[in-house]
């Protein structure tokens, strides 16, 4: 039986203050972890640390090489720490006008393409999330069909050329304006939203577009931020379409600039300009590493600000409630 003598007054009525003090001083029963669970935890931590080390090693090695001197790089003595600290190649690459022109192109292409992709993906996903939409299954089928079948490289090139998109930003932006995976994730997210919210907005006089802009989108910040990250990274790292549809080097994104360096289409001598023989040797030894670091740096700096939305956005849009 429960002892209530210490939690009641002299009149027999419950004393809330005494009950609260007794609850505060009582110690909860602790459940000890089993030996198997502790072993699992240790093994899990070790495995995750190994995965993290394997994932980070190439990037750290690239950064170390970008700040190392030519002799240590050619001798294969650079691992995680720069050897013979040197920033000559950074100065040379950052003094190249073509690099900054291509970098500017990448920023413009990424911003414009991401904005267009988000508008099209959001409106398409919101429309097909409505079960009373006529032809809903057809529109879903059209989207899913493109995940498995496409026209092929040559028909796509002929189409882009016929539309007059070659050597324009639209050759980069339009063909990948909608990712079907992102579309289906957003569709599932919108389907999980309570119907009562939109019914209340309709009663208050909001149109379909007003409901989307003033009710749905403000409640969808997590999945929108996740989709922005997905699209931005995709467009930032994209190079093949620019390489295929753009002929003018001044229109290239920085990824094509990097690709040309790696493939040897742009020599270290042309990038180094008027530097001496020693300077050109230094540039040739780590120009790829320097360009890689400068290329991925914006995405690395942006990711921590969006990461908090990443997991919740994908899970909210991927699990059917």
Foldseek 3Di string as FASTA:
>chain_A
DDDCPQQADPVRHGNVVSVVVVVVPDDDDDDDDDPVVVVVVVVVVVVVVVVVCVVCFVLQQLVQQQQEFQVCLVVVNGGRHHHHGDNLLVVLLVVFPLLVLQQVLLVVLLVVLLVLLLVVLLVLLLQLLDPPRPCSVVSLCVLVVVVPDDDDDVVVQVVCVVVVNFQHSCLLRPVPSYDSVLSQLSNLLNNQDDPVQVVVVVVVPADPVRCCVPPVVVVQVLLSLQSSLVSSVCSLQDFPSCVVRYDDSSNHHSNVVLVCLVVVVDALDVSNDPDDPSSSSRNNSNVSSSSVCVSCVVSVVPCVVSVVSNPVNSVSSPDHD
